[in-house]
Each structure stands twice: as structure tokens, then as C-alpha cells.
Amino acid sequence: MAGITKTTIHVLTVHFNTPELTVDLVKGFPTSSPAGSRIEVHILDNFSSADNLQALQDGISGLSNVRFEANDKNVGFGVGVNILARADYIKDDDTIWVLNPDTRLDADCLANLEEALDRTEYDIVSPLIYSGTSADRRVWYCGGSIKTSSMRIQHQLYDEDLAAAPLQPFDTEFVTGAAPMMRASTFRTVGGFPSNYFLYWEDTLFSWRARELKFRLGVVPAAMLWHAVGASSGHGQSPTFYYWYARNRFIFSSDIGFPRWRLIAGSGAVQSLRFIAKALREPEGRFRKMKEAVRGTFAGITHK
């Protein structure tokens, strides 16, 4: 690592009613990385309930490297990250690491990810993300592709045993928004996350635009973190997920120049119906979730 000037790593996390998860995450961060970069953690509260907001503030009180701010309304994930990333004190050559509150770093995750970014082979890097228990670790994200024929995101090796993951860094079309790391200048050049998505698919559009600008996206398997995926709780995905995921699939299609009618005809329509049918396989609240998937589909089709 000789010859590399160390800057600051800014960890950006958007909080909404999960104070225990967020506090546990940020308490685990040191004030500097193994390579010597200063670490600052930035939390944006997205209009949590009063009790959860207070619990978060109490939990991070006294942490010298944590900055906190709160919104007076819920602006969604992507806009929340954008607010944090545009701060004047984050310089273009600083590193930003967007992290979901429900993630936990394995040993050496930060060191391996920072080293991969410093090598400059990739402009945007992601750790290998897994879910499950310590006795049954399953791949959640190990690279992905964007299937424009059906407008579908495919996670490579999804739900496979973690041992099936590759060992060396590799290119990917899609980097999930759960834990991407990059220079602040890269994030700003891409334009940040789209402002009209609220939740879901904003990382897909970000990845698409980044690749159009010739930025290289990579996965670093030596950097691993655990993700508390909603479906692993036994309650499945939320109605909110079904609405926004269905809606934004149509918006994404339009944003990259594909007519939305392709999602209601042919292979695109099959994928649309599969997503609605997925709601009916949920362990709880399946009819409400199906209703939200249908409502989101209609909102996506009719969006101006």
C-alpha cells in the first residue's frame, strides 16, 4: 500500500425505526481503518418514531466519530444517502461506504474492501454478502446481472452455500445498495441515487449509469459481511417491499430507455406475474402483499 495517500472513509447509513441494529453496527467501527484511513460514521434518521429516534440518539451518545442528523419526513433510502454524500466536509477523494443498518462486518471485511478500492482495478466495490445462521451461511449477494429482456435482477449464486462463492475479485453488472464502497467523486459523477424511487431498484439504476460512464464494478469475496434479510425472519418481505419493488421495476425500465409495455407482454409480463405470485407464497399477510404488488404494478405502468 506504499505511496497511497490515506483520506477519510465516510460510512453512510440511513436509519428508520431500527435503533438496536444501527447502534450495534456503528459501535463496531474503529476510528481508523487497518490501512490508516480515518473513519467517520454518518447516520441520517428518516423520520423514525419518537421512541426509536430517542433510542438511537441514546445509543450513539458519546461516540466521537459519529455524526447524526434527522429528517422531518421519510425521504426514502436513495435520497437519504444522497443527503449524507453531498456534505461539504466529504471531499471528492474521500471514500464513502454505504451500509445498511442490518449488516455486520466479518473480520477483515473493511481492510480487504479498502485494499481492493485502493488498487484502482475497480471504481466501485462490494463485499460478498451472506445471510443465515453461523451453521448455515447462504449467499445473498455475490455479484449480479440485469436481464433487460424480462427486466429482472439476478443475484449470482443466490441462496447457495457460502462455500460455493469464488475466492478472487470479479466484475459484476450490478452492485447492491446494501454495502457499496467507492470514492465520493465516483458517487457524485454518477449522480447519486435516483430521487424518485424511494425504495428498491435505485441501486440498479446507479449501477447501470455507472457502467455507462465506464466505471468498473467489482465484488471482493475476501471482504464478507452478514445481512439480516427480511425473509429470513420467518415473516417474509413487507407489503412496502412489494409495492415499491413492483412500481420501480417499471420506472427503471423507462429510465434506461426500454418501453414499459415490454413488462406487460412476453417475458417481461411473465416476470411481472411471477412477482405478484411470489406474494401469495408468503408465510404471513399474503393477500395484503399481493394487493400491494398489484398496486405497485399499476402505479409503475401509469407513472408519468
C-alpha atoms as a PDB file:
ATOM      1  CA  MET A   1       0.000   0.000   0.000  1.00  0.00           C
ATOM      2  CA  ALA A   2       3.039   2.274  -0.141  1.00  0.00           C
ATOM      3  CA  GLY A   3       2.551   5.521  -1.969  1.00  0.00           C
ATOM      4  CA  ILE A   4      -1.211   5.745  -1.376  1.00  0.00           C
ATOM      5  CA  THR A   5      -2.331   8.874   0.435  1.00  0.00           C
ATOM      6  CA  LYS A   6      -4.845   7.966   3.094  1.00  0.00           C
ATOM      7  CA  THR A   7      -8.005  10.007   3.240  1.00  0.00           C
ATOM      8  CA  THR A   8     -11.203   9.562   5.209  1.00  0.00           C
ATOM      9  CA  ILE A   9     -13.685   6.703   4.928  1.00  0.00           C
ATOM     10  CA  HIS A  10     -17.211   8.018   5.428  1.00  0.00           C
ATOM     11  CA  VAL A  11     -19.658   5.283   6.421  1.00  0.00           C
ATOM     12  CA  LEU A  12     -23.163   6.371   5.362  1.00  0.00           C
ATOM     13  CA  THR A  13     -26.203   4.695   6.887  1.00  0.00           C
ATOM     14  CA  VAL A  14     -29.876   5.630   6.670  1.00  0.00           C
ATOM     15  CA  HIS A  15     -31.894   4.751   9.760  1.00  0.00           C
ATOM     16  CA  PHE A  16     -35.622   4.094  10.061  1.00  0.00           C
ATOM     17  CA  ASN A  17     -37.012   2.596  13.263  1.00  0.00           C
ATOM     18  CA  THR A  18     -34.184   0.090  13.809  1.00  0.00           C
ATOM     19  CA  PRO A  19     -32.180   1.697  16.646  1.00  0.00           C
ATOM     20  CA  GLU A  20     -30.759  -1.544  18.051  1.00  0.00           C
ATOM     21  CA  LEU A  21     -29.432  -2.656  14.671  1.00  0.00           C
ATOM     22  CA  THR A  22     -27.972   0.740  13.827  1.00  0.00           C
ATOM     23  CA  VAL A  23     -26.322   1.218  17.218  1.00  0.00           C
ATOM     24  CA  ASP A  24     -24.778  -2.264  17.081  1.00  0.00           C
ATOM     25  CA  LEU A  25     -23.405  -1.544  13.613  1.00  0.00           C
ATOM     26  CA  VAL A  26     -21.806   1.817  14.336  1.00  0.00           C
ATOM     27  CA  LYS A  27     -20.413   0.808  17.719  1.00  0.00           C
ATOM     28  CA  GLY A  28     -18.334  -1.793  15.942  1.00  0.00           C
ATOM     29  CA  PHE A  29     -16.415   0.744  13.875  1.00  0.00           C
ATOM     30  CA  PRO A  30     -12.956   1.875  14.977  1.00  0.00           C
ATOM     31  CA  THR A  31     -11.794   5.453  14.474  1.00  0.00           C
ATOM     32  CA  SER A  32      -9.339   4.370  11.777  1.00  0.00           C
ATOM     33  CA  SER A  33      -9.008   1.543   9.265  1.00  0.00           C
ATOM     34  CA  PRO A  34      -6.200  -1.063   9.345  1.00  0.00           C
ATOM     35  CA  ALA A  35      -4.576   0.858   6.470  1.00  0.00           C
ATOM     36  CA  GLY A  36      -4.637   4.116   8.435  1.00  0.00           C
ATOM     37  CA  SER A  37      -7.635   5.932   6.970  1.00  0.00           C
ATOM     38  CA  ARG A  38      -9.733   7.941   9.385  1.00  0.00           C
ATOM     39  CA  ILE A  39     -13.284   6.579   9.750  1.00  0.00           C
ATOM     40  CA  GLU A  40     -16.321   8.790  10.244  1.00  0.00           C
ATOM     41  CA  VAL A  41     -19.818   7.318  10.565  1.00  0.00           C
ATOM     42  CA  HIS A  42     -22.781   9.373   9.335  1.00  0.00           C
ATOM     43  CA  ILE A  43     -26.334   8.495  10.309  1.00  0.00           C
ATOM     44  CA  LEU A  44     -29.444  10.043   8.812  1.00  0.00           C
ATOM     45  CA  ASP A  45     -32.680   9.303  10.625  1.00  0.00           C
ATOM     46  CA  ASN A  46     -35.566   9.090   8.152  1.00  0.00           C
ATOM     47  CA  PHE A  47     -38.355  10.329  10.440  1.00  0.00           C
ATOM     48  CA  SER A  48     -38.471   7.410  12.860  1.00  0.00           C
ATOM     49  CA  SER A  49     -40.975   7.287  15.693  1.00  0.00           C
ATOM     50  CA  ALA A  50     -40.098   9.429  18.716  1.00  0.00           C
ATOM     51  CA  ASP A  51     -39.214   6.389  20.840  1.00  0.00           C
ATOM     52  CA  ASN A  52     -36.949   4.866  18.199  1.00  0.00           C
ATOM     53  CA  LEU A  53     -35.287   8.182  17.484  1.00  0.00           C
ATOM     54  CA  GLN A  54     -34.542   8.655  21.173  1.00  0.00           C
ATOM     55  CA  ALA A  55     -33.207   5.117  21.477  1.00  0.00           C
ATOM     56  CA  LEU A  56     -30.866   5.750  18.553  1.00  0.00           C
ATOM     57  CA  GLN A  57     -29.613   9.036  19.972  1.00  0.00           C
ATOM     58  CA  ASP A  58     -29.048   7.457  23.387  1.00  0.00           C
ATOM     59  CA  GLY A  59     -27.194   4.535  21.824  1.00  0.00           C
ATOM     60  CA  ILE A  60     -24.743   6.643  19.827  1.00  0.00           C
ATOM     61  CA  SER A  61     -24.185   9.263  22.530  1.00  0.00           C
ATOM     62  CA  GLY A  62     -20.506   9.650  23.277  1.00  0.00           C
ATOM     63  CA  LEU A  63     -19.247   8.054  20.049  1.00  0.00           C
ATOM     64  CA  SER A  64     -16.652  10.554  18.875  1.00  0.00           C
ATOM     65  CA  ASN A  65     -16.566   9.523  15.215  1.00  0.00           C
ATOM     66  CA  VAL A  66     -20.346   9.505  14.625  1.00  0.00           C
ATOM     67  CA  ARG A  67     -22.245  12.373  13.004  1.00  0.00           C
ATOM     68  CA  PHE A  68     -26.037  12.406  13.260  1.00  0.00           C
ATOM     69  CA  GLU A  69     -28.835  14.297  11.557  1.00  0.00           C
ATOM     70  CA  ALA A  70     -32.588  13.784  11.341  1.00  0.00           C
ATOM     71  CA  ASN A  71     -35.188  14.397   8.650  1.00  0.00           C
ATOM     72  CA  ASP A  72     -38.632  15.815   9.337  1.00  0.00           C
ATOM     73  CA  LYS A  73     -40.083  13.357   6.790  1.00  0.00           C
ATOM     74  CA  ASN A  74     -39.184   9.996   5.303  1.00  0.00           C
ATOM     75  CA  VAL A  75     -37.430  10.711   2.007  1.00  0.00           C
ATOM     76  CA  GLY A  76     -36.554   7.096   1.232  1.00  0.00           C
ATOM     77  CA  PHE A  77     -33.262   5.245   1.097  1.00  0.00           C
ATOM     78  CA  GLY A  78     -31.650   6.733  -2.009  1.00  0.00           C
ATOM     79  CA  VAL A  79     -32.373  10.362  -1.233  1.00  0.00           C
ATOM     80  CA  GLY A  80     -31.238   9.773   2.347  1.00  0.00           C
ATOM     81  CA  VAL A  81     -27.860   8.532   1.117  1.00  0.00           C
ATOM     82  CA  ASN A  82     -27.645  11.458  -1.303  1.00  0.00           C
ATOM     83  CA  ILE A  83     -28.171  13.912   1.553  1.00  0.00           C
ATOM     84  CA  LEU A  84     -25.295  12.384   3.505  1.00  0.00           C
ATOM     85  CA  ALA A  85     -22.976  12.097   0.487  1.00  0.00           C
ATOM     86  CA  ARG A  86     -23.295  15.725  -0.613  1.00  0.00           C
ATOM     87  CA  ALA A  87     -21.960  17.136   2.672  1.00  0.00           C
ATOM     88  CA  ASP A  88     -19.226  19.739   2.132  1.00  0.00           C
ATOM     89  CA  TYR A  89     -16.830  18.009   4.522  1.00  0.00           C
ATOM     90  CA  ILE A  90     -16.768  14.896   2.321  1.00  0.00           C
ATOM     91  CA  LYS A  91     -14.057  15.584  -0.233  1.00  0.00           C
ATOM     92  CA  ASP A  92     -14.046  14.101  -3.715  1.00  0.00           C
ATOM     93  CA  ASP A  93     -11.013  11.920  -2.998  1.00  0.00           C
ATOM     94  CA  ASP A  94     -12.516  10.592   0.242  1.00  0.00           C
ATOM     95  CA  THR A  95     -14.090   7.153   0.323  1.00  0.00           C
ATOM     96  CA  ILE A  96     -17.764   6.595   1.001  1.00  0.00           C
ATOM     97  CA  TRP A  97     -19.175   3.270   2.157  1.00  0.00           C
ATOM     98  CA  VAL A  98     -22.944   2.953   2.078  1.00  0.00           C
ATOM     99  CA  LEU A  99     -24.057   0.391   4.668  1.00  0.00           C
ATOM    100  CA  ASN A 100     -27.466  -0.952   5.589  1.00  0.00           C
ATOM    101  CA  PRO A 101     -28.070  -0.874   9.358  1.00  0.00           C
ATOM    102  CA  ASP A 102     -28.883  -4.594   9.317  1.00  0.00           C
ATOM    103  CA  THR A 103     -25.393  -5.673   8.262  1.00  0.00           C
ATOM    104  CA  ARG A 104     -22.485  -6.945  10.344  1.00  0.00           C
ATOM    105  CA  LEU A 105     -18.867  -6.983   9.197  1.00  0.00           C
ATOM    106  CA  ASP A 106     -16.734 -10.106   9.284  1.00  0.00           C
ATOM    107  CA  ALA A 107     -13.134  -9.724  10.395  1.00  0.00           C
ATOM    108  CA  ASP A 108     -11.016  -8.076   7.686  1.00  0.00           C
ATOM    109  CA  CYS A 109     -14.063  -7.016   5.645  1.00  0.00           C
ATOM    110  CA  LEU A 110     -13.151  -3.336   5.801  1.00  0.00           C
ATOM    111  CA  ALA A 111      -9.439  -3.963   5.254  1.00  0.00           C
ATOM    112  CA  ASN A 112      -9.979  -6.153   2.182  1.00  0.00           C
ATOM    113  CA  LEU A 113     -12.535  -3.836   0.644  1.00  0.00           C
ATOM    114  CA  GLU A 114     -10.387  -0.738   1.168  1.00  0.00           C
ATOM    115  CA  GLU A 115      -7.367  -2.502  -0.272  1.00  0.00           C
ATOM    116  CA  ALA A 116      -9.319  -3.546  -3.364  1.00  0.00           C
ATOM    117  CA  LEU A 117     -10.520   0.022  -3.957  1.00  0.00           C
ATOM    118  CA  ASP A 118      -7.014   1.414  -3.450  1.00  0.00           C
ATOM    119  CA  ARG A 119      -5.668  -0.920  -6.124  1.00  0.00           C
ATOM    120  CA  THR A 120      -7.875   1.079  -8.566  1.00  0.00           C
ATOM    121  CA  GLU A 121      -8.796  -2.008 -10.590  1.00  0.00           C
ATOM    122  CA  TYR A 122     -12.411  -1.287  -9.686  1.00  0.00           C
ATOM    123  CA  ASP A 123     -14.158   2.050  -9.201  1.00  0.00           C
ATOM    124  CA  ILE A 124     -16.988   0.603  -7.095  1.00  0.00           C
ATOM    125  CA  VAL A 125     -16.513  -2.455  -4.894  1.00  0.00           C
ATOM    126  CA  SER A 126     -18.867  -4.584  -2.867  1.00  0.00           C
ATOM    127  CA  PRO A 127     -18.234  -7.247  -0.270  1.00  0.00           C
ATOM    128  CA  LEU A 128     -19.638 -10.732  -0.593  1.00  0.00           C
ATOM    129  CA  ILE A 129     -22.861 -10.624   1.415  1.00  0.00           C
ATOM    130  CA  TYR A 130     -24.352 -13.640   3.123  1.00  0.00           C
ATOM    131  CA  SER A 131     -27.352 -14.396   5.319  1.00  0.00           C
ATOM    132  CA  GLY A 132     -28.476 -17.232   7.547  1.00  0.00           C
ATOM    133  CA  THR A 133     -27.009 -18.648  10.737  1.00  0.00           C
ATOM    134  CA  SER A 134     -23.423 -19.422  11.661  1.00  0.00           C
ATOM    135  CA  ALA A 135     -24.161 -23.096  10.991  1.00  0.00           C
ATOM    136  CA  ASP A 136     -25.856 -22.428   7.640  1.00  0.00           C
ATOM    137  CA  ARG A 137     -24.402 -19.429   5.830  1.00  0.00           C
ATOM    138  CA  ARG A 138     -26.074 -18.760   2.480  1.00  0.00           C
ATOM    139  CA  VAL A 139     -25.017 -16.429  -0.327  1.00  0.00           C
ATOM    140  CA  TRP A 140     -27.241 -13.362  -0.563  1.00  0.00           C
ATOM    141  CA  TYR A 141     -25.129 -11.215  -2.908  1.00  0.00           C
ATOM    142  CA  CYS A 142     -22.136 -12.396  -4.895  1.00  0.00           C
ATOM    143  CA  GLY A 143     -22.448 -10.262  -7.979  1.00  0.00           C
ATOM    144  CA  GLY A 144     -25.465  -9.905 -10.202  1.00  0.00           C
ATOM    145  CA  SER A 145     -26.766  -9.209 -13.670  1.00  0.00           C
ATOM    146  CA  ILE A 146     -29.513  -7.058 -15.157  1.00  0.00           C
ATOM    147  CA  LYS A 147     -31.739  -9.077 -17.507  1.00  0.00           C
ATOM    148  CA  THR A 148     -33.331  -6.432 -19.728  1.00  0.00           C
ATOM    149  CA  SER A 149     -35.336  -8.993 -21.716  1.00  0.00           C
ATOM    150  CA  SER A 150     -37.514  -9.631 -18.657  1.00  0.00           C
ATOM    151  CA  MET A 151     -36.370  -6.605 -16.585  1.00  0.00           C
ATOM    152  CA  ARG A 152     -35.107  -8.783 -13.790  1.00  0.00           C
ATOM    153  CA  ILE A 153     -32.174  -8.567 -11.397  1.00  0.00           C
ATOM    154  CA  GLN A 154     -30.435 -11.887 -10.890  1.00  0.00           C
ATOM    155  CA  HIS A 155     -28.159 -12.438  -7.898  1.00  0.00           C
ATOM    156  CA  GLN A 156     -25.361 -14.841  -8.748  1.00  0.00           C
ATOM    157  CA  LEU A 157     -25.318 -17.973  -6.557  1.00  0.00           C
ATOM    158  CA  TYR A 158     -28.280 -16.686  -4.561  1.00  0.00           C
ATOM    159  CA  ASP A 159     -29.070 -18.932  -1.566  1.00  0.00           C
ATOM    160  CA  GLU A 160     -26.172 -21.267  -2.349  1.00  0.00           C
ATOM    161  CA  ASP A 161     -23.907 -22.462   0.429  1.00  0.00           C
ATOM    162  CA  LEU A 162     -21.282 -19.792   1.135  1.00  0.00           C
ATOM    163  CA  ALA A 163     -18.547 -22.283   0.260  1.00  0.00           C
ATOM    164  CA  ALA A 164     -19.674 -22.113  -3.392  1.00  0.00           C
ATOM    165  CA  ALA A 165     -18.580 -18.469  -3.719  1.00  0.00           C
ATOM    166  CA  PRO A 166     -15.460 -17.614  -5.756  1.00  0.00           C
ATOM    167  CA  LEU A 167     -12.286 -16.561  -3.990  1.00  0.00           C
ATOM    168  CA  GLN A 168     -10.893 -13.853  -6.275  1.00  0.00           C
ATOM    169  CA  PRO A 169     -12.361 -10.410  -7.089  1.00  0.00           C
ATOM    170  CA  PHE A 170     -14.502 -10.312 -10.235  1.00  0.00           C
ATOM    171  CA  ASP A 171     -16.513  -7.888 -12.379  1.00  0.00           C
ATOM    172  CA  THR A 172     -20.249  -7.521 -11.982  1.00  0.00           C
ATOM    173  CA  GLU A 173     -23.055  -5.666 -13.791  1.00  0.00           C
ATOM    174  CA  PHE A 174     -24.951  -4.866 -10.616  1.00  0.00           C
ATOM    175  CA  VAL A 175     -23.816  -3.769  -7.154  1.00  0.00           C
ATOM    176  CA  THR A 176     -26.415  -3.952  -4.419  1.00  0.00           C
ATOM    177  CA  GLY A 177     -27.030  -0.820  -2.342  1.00  0.00           C
ATOM    178  CA  ALA A 178     -26.526  -2.755   0.896  1.00  0.00           C
ATOM    179  CA  ALA A 179     -22.760  -2.156   1.095  1.00  0.00           C
ATOM    180  CA  PRO A 180     -21.034  -0.478  -1.905  1.00  0.00           C
ATOM    181  CA  MET A 181     -17.736   1.364  -1.408  1.00  0.00           C
ATOM    182  CA  MET A 182     -16.320   3.997  -3.790  1.00  0.00           C
ATOM    183  CA  ARG A 183     -14.660   7.399  -3.948  1.00  0.00           C
ATOM    184  CA  ALA A 184     -17.019  10.276  -3.291  1.00  0.00           C
ATOM    185  CA  SER A 185     -16.133  11.634  -6.730  1.00  0.00           C
ATOM    186  CA  THR A 186     -17.456   8.430  -8.336  1.00  0.00           C
ATOM    187  CA  PHE A 187     -20.765   8.641  -6.490  1.00  0.00           C
ATOM    188  CA  ARG A 188     -21.160  12.288  -7.427  1.00  0.00           C
ATOM    189  CA  THR A 189     -20.191  11.765 -11.079  1.00  0.00           C
ATOM    190  CA  VAL A 190     -22.828   9.047 -11.441  1.00  0.00           C
ATOM    191  CA  GLY A 191     -25.306  11.490  -9.899  1.00  0.00           C
ATOM    192  CA  GLY A 192     -26.089   9.602  -6.725  1.00  0.00           C
ATOM    193  CA  PHE A 193     -29.214   7.521  -6.380  1.00  0.00           C
ATOM    194  CA  PRO A 194     -32.390   8.498  -8.271  1.00  0.00           C
ATOM    195  CA  SER A 195     -34.642  10.798  -6.282  1.00  0.00           C
ATOM    196  CA  ASN A 196     -37.993   9.310  -7.320  1.00  0.00           C
ATOM    197  CA  TYR A 197     -37.561   5.635  -6.387  1.00  0.00           C
ATOM    198  CA  PHE A 198     -37.960   5.874  -2.579  1.00  0.00           C
ATOM    199  CA  LEU A 199     -37.049   2.210  -2.037  1.00  0.00           C
ATOM    200  CA  TYR A 200     -35.670  -0.556  -4.288  1.00  0.00           C
ATOM    201  CA  TRP A 201     -34.157  -0.510  -7.785  1.00  0.00           C
ATOM    202  CA  GLU A 202     -32.212   2.693  -7.024  1.00  0.00           C
ATOM    203  CA  ASP A 203     -29.008   0.632  -6.804  1.00  0.00           C
ATOM    204  CA  THR A 204     -29.854  -0.976 -10.151  1.00  0.00           C
ATOM    205  CA  LEU A 205     -30.150   2.375 -11.909  1.00  0.00           C
ATOM    206  CA  PHE A 206     -26.998   3.583 -10.148  1.00  0.00           C
ATOM    207  CA  SER A 207     -25.104   0.502 -11.383  1.00  0.00           C
ATOM    208  CA  TRP A 208     -26.462   0.955 -14.925  1.00  0.00           C
ATOM    209  CA  ARG A 209     -25.437   4.601 -15.057  1.00  0.00           C
ATOM    210  CA  ALA A 210     -22.024   3.864 -13.556  1.00  0.00           C
ATOM    211  CA  ARG A 211     -21.273   1.281 -16.229  1.00  0.00           C
ATOM    212  CA  GLU A 212     -22.474   3.659 -18.936  1.00  0.00           C
ATOM    213  CA  LEU A 213     -19.847   6.094 -17.641  1.00  0.00           C
ATOM    214  CA  LYS A 214     -17.222   3.315 -17.935  1.00  0.00           C
ATOM    215  CA  PHE A 215     -16.816   2.826 -14.204  1.00  0.00           C
ATOM    216  CA  ARG A 216     -15.855  -0.718 -13.319  1.00  0.00           C
ATOM    217  CA  LEU A 217     -17.872  -2.589 -10.679  1.00  0.00           C
ATOM    218  CA  GLY A 218     -16.366  -5.445  -8.717  1.00  0.00           C
ATOM    219  CA  VAL A 219     -17.110  -7.941  -5.952  1.00  0.00           C
ATOM    220  CA  VAL A 220     -14.385  -8.731  -3.401  1.00  0.00           C
ATOM    221  CA  PRO A 221     -15.106 -12.184  -1.921  1.00  0.00           C
ATOM    222  CA  ALA A 222     -12.378 -11.815   0.711  1.00  0.00           C
ATOM    223  CA  ALA A 223     -14.485  -8.999   2.181  1.00  0.00           C
ATOM    224  CA  MET A 224     -17.580 -10.548   3.701  1.00  0.00           C
ATOM    225  CA  LEU A 225     -20.479  -9.269   5.758  1.00  0.00           C
ATOM    226  CA  TRP A 226     -23.699 -10.698   7.107  1.00  0.00           C
ATOM    227  CA  HIS A 227     -27.074  -9.251   6.149  1.00  0.00           C
ATOM    228  CA  ALA A 228     -30.274  -9.763   8.161  1.00  0.00           C
ATOM    229  CA  VAL A 229     -32.522 -10.377   5.172  1.00  0.00           C
ATOM    230  CA  GLY A 230     -36.209  -9.750   5.899  1.00  0.00           C
ATOM    231  CA  ALA A 231     -37.351 -13.069   4.513  1.00  0.00           C
ATOM    232  CA  SER A 232     -35.069 -14.960   6.916  1.00  0.00           C
ATOM    233  CA  SER A 233     -37.139 -13.772   9.873  1.00  0.00           C
ATOM    234  CA  GLY A 234     -39.986 -16.124   9.004  1.00  0.00           C
ATOM    235  CA  HIS A 235     -42.319 -13.208   8.290  1.00  0.00           C
ATOM    236  CA  GLY A 236     -41.176 -12.729   4.699  1.00  0.00           C
ATOM    237  CA  GLN A 237     -40.963  -9.440   2.852  1.00  0.00           C
ATOM    238  CA  SER A 238     -43.116  -6.457   3.846  1.00  0.00           C
ATOM    239  CA  PRO A 239     -46.086  -5.007   1.922  1.00  0.00           C
ATOM    240  CA  THR A 240     -43.918  -1.918   1.441  1.00  0.00           C
ATOM    241  CA  PHE A 241     -41.357  -4.058  -0.387  1.00  0.00           C
ATOM    242  CA  TYR A 242     -43.972  -5.454  -2.750  1.00  0.00           C
ATOM    243  CA  TYR A 243     -45.357  -2.041  -3.669  1.00  0.00           C
ATOM    244  CA  TRP A 244     -42.080  -0.215  -4.323  1.00  0.00           C
ATOM    245  CA  TYR A 245     -40.268  -3.138  -5.927  1.00  0.00           C
ATOM    246  CA  ALA A 246     -43.120  -3.670  -8.404  1.00  0.00           C
ATOM    247  CA  ARG A 247     -43.505   0.050  -9.129  1.00  0.00           C
ATOM    248  CA  ASN A 248     -39.835   0.836  -9.582  1.00  0.00           C
ATOM    249  CA  ARG A 249     -39.201  -2.059 -11.934  1.00  0.00           C
ATOM    250  CA  PHE A 250     -41.363  -0.174 -14.453  1.00  0.00           C
ATOM    251  CA  ILE A 251     -39.726   3.167 -13.664  1.00  0.00           C
ATOM    252  CA  PHE A 252     -36.264   1.655 -14.123  1.00  0.00           C
ATOM    253  CA  SER A 253     -37.277   0.200 -17.478  1.00  0.00           C
ATOM    254  CA  SER A 254     -38.390   3.634 -18.656  1.00  0.00           C
ATOM    255  CA  ASP A 255     -35.298   5.349 -17.242  1.00  0.00           C
ATOM    256  CA  ILE A 256     -32.930   3.164 -19.267  1.00  0.00           C
ATOM    257  CA  GLY A 257     -34.917   3.600 -22.469  1.00  0.00           C
ATOM    258  CA  PHE A 258     -36.994   0.422 -22.537  1.00  0.00           C
ATOM    259  CA  PRO A 259     -40.735   0.890 -23.131  1.00  0.00           C
ATOM    260  CA  ARG A 260     -42.845  -0.149 -20.181  1.00  0.00           C
ATOM    261  CA  TRP A 261     -45.199  -2.177 -22.351  1.00  0.00           C
ATOM    262  CA  ARG A 262     -42.451  -4.804 -22.534  1.00  0.00           C
ATOM    263  CA  LEU A 263     -43.202  -5.575 -18.882  1.00  0.00           C
ATOM    264  CA  ILE A 264     -46.834  -6.413 -19.646  1.00  0.00           C
ATOM    265  CA  ALA A 265     -46.104  -8.538 -22.721  1.00  0.00           C
ATOM    266  CA  GLY A 266     -43.840 -11.506 -23.385  1.00  0.00           C
ATOM    267  CA  SER A 267     -41.103 -12.472 -20.935  1.00  0.00           C
ATOM    268  CA  GLY A 268     -41.463  -9.149 -19.128  1.00  0.00           C
ATOM    269  CA  ALA A 269     -45.106  -9.934 -18.374  1.00  0.00           C
ATOM    270  CA  VAL A 270     -44.178 -13.389 -17.113  1.00  0.00           C
ATOM    271  CA  GLN A 271     -41.759 -11.806 -14.657  1.00  0.00           C
ATOM    272  CA  SER A 272     -44.422  -9.288 -13.576  1.00  0.00           C
ATOM    273  CA  LEU A 273     -46.868 -12.114 -12.842  1.00  0.00           C
ATOM    274  CA  ARG A 274     -44.206 -14.152 -11.070  1.00  0.00           C
ATOM    275  CA  PHE A 275     -43.569 -11.277  -8.698  1.00  0.00           C
ATOM    276  CA  ILE A 276     -47.265 -10.966  -7.856  1.00  0.00           C
ATOM    277  CA  ALA A 277     -47.457 -14.734  -7.388  1.00  0.00           C
ATOM    278  CA  LYS A 278     -44.458 -14.567  -5.054  1.00  0.00           C
ATOM    279  CA  ALA A 279     -46.579 -12.540  -2.630  1.00  0.00           C
ATOM    280  CA  LEU A 280     -49.072 -15.406  -2.469  1.00  0.00           C
ATOM    281  CA  ARG A 281     -46.316 -17.727  -1.227  1.00  0.00           C
ATOM    282  CA  GLU A 282     -45.511 -15.506   1.732  1.00  0.00           C
ATOM    283  CA  PRO A 283     -45.802 -17.102   5.198  1.00  0.00           C
ATOM    284  CA  GLU A 284     -47.859 -14.187   6.520  1.00  0.00           C
ATOM    285  CA  GLY A 285     -50.123 -11.460   5.105  1.00  0.00           C
ATOM    286  CA  ARG A 286     -50.044 -12.886   1.596  1.00  0.00           C
ATOM    287  CA  PHE A 287     -53.243 -11.273   0.317  1.00  0.00           C
ATOM    288  CA  ARG A 288     -52.271  -7.822   1.515  1.00  0.00           C
ATOM    289  CA  LYS A 289     -48.840  -8.270  -0.051  1.00  0.00           C
ATOM    290  CA  MET A 290     -50.365  -9.437  -3.314  1.00  0.00           C
ATOM    291  CA  LYS A 291     -52.592  -6.364  -3.291  1.00  0.00           C
ATOM    292  CA  GLU A 292     -49.537  -4.123  -2.827  1.00  0.00           C
ATOM    293  CA  ALA A 293     -47.687  -5.885  -5.643  1.00  0.00           C
ATOM    294  CA  VAL A 294     -50.673  -5.303  -7.951  1.00  0.00           C
ATOM    295  CA  ARG A 295     -50.998  -1.697  -6.787  1.00  0.00           C
ATOM    296  CA  GLY A 296     -47.280  -1.104  -7.368  1.00  0.00           C
ATOM    297  CA  THR A 297     -47.501  -2.666 -10.826  1.00  0.00           C
ATOM    298  CA  PHE A 298     -50.378  -0.358 -11.766  1.00  0.00           C
ATOM    299  CA  ALA A 299     -48.501   2.671 -10.330  1.00  0.00           C
ATOM    300  CA  GLY A 300     -45.471   1.747 -12.429  1.00  0.00           C
ATOM    301  CA  ILE A 301     -47.487   1.332 -15.626  1.00  0.00           C
ATOM    302  CA  THR A 302     -49.298   4.661 -15.197  1.00  0.00           C
ATOM    303  CA  HIS A 303     -46.364   6.702 -13.834  1.00  0.00           C
ATOM    304  CA  LYS A 304     -45.817   9.962 -15.740  1.00  0.00           C
END
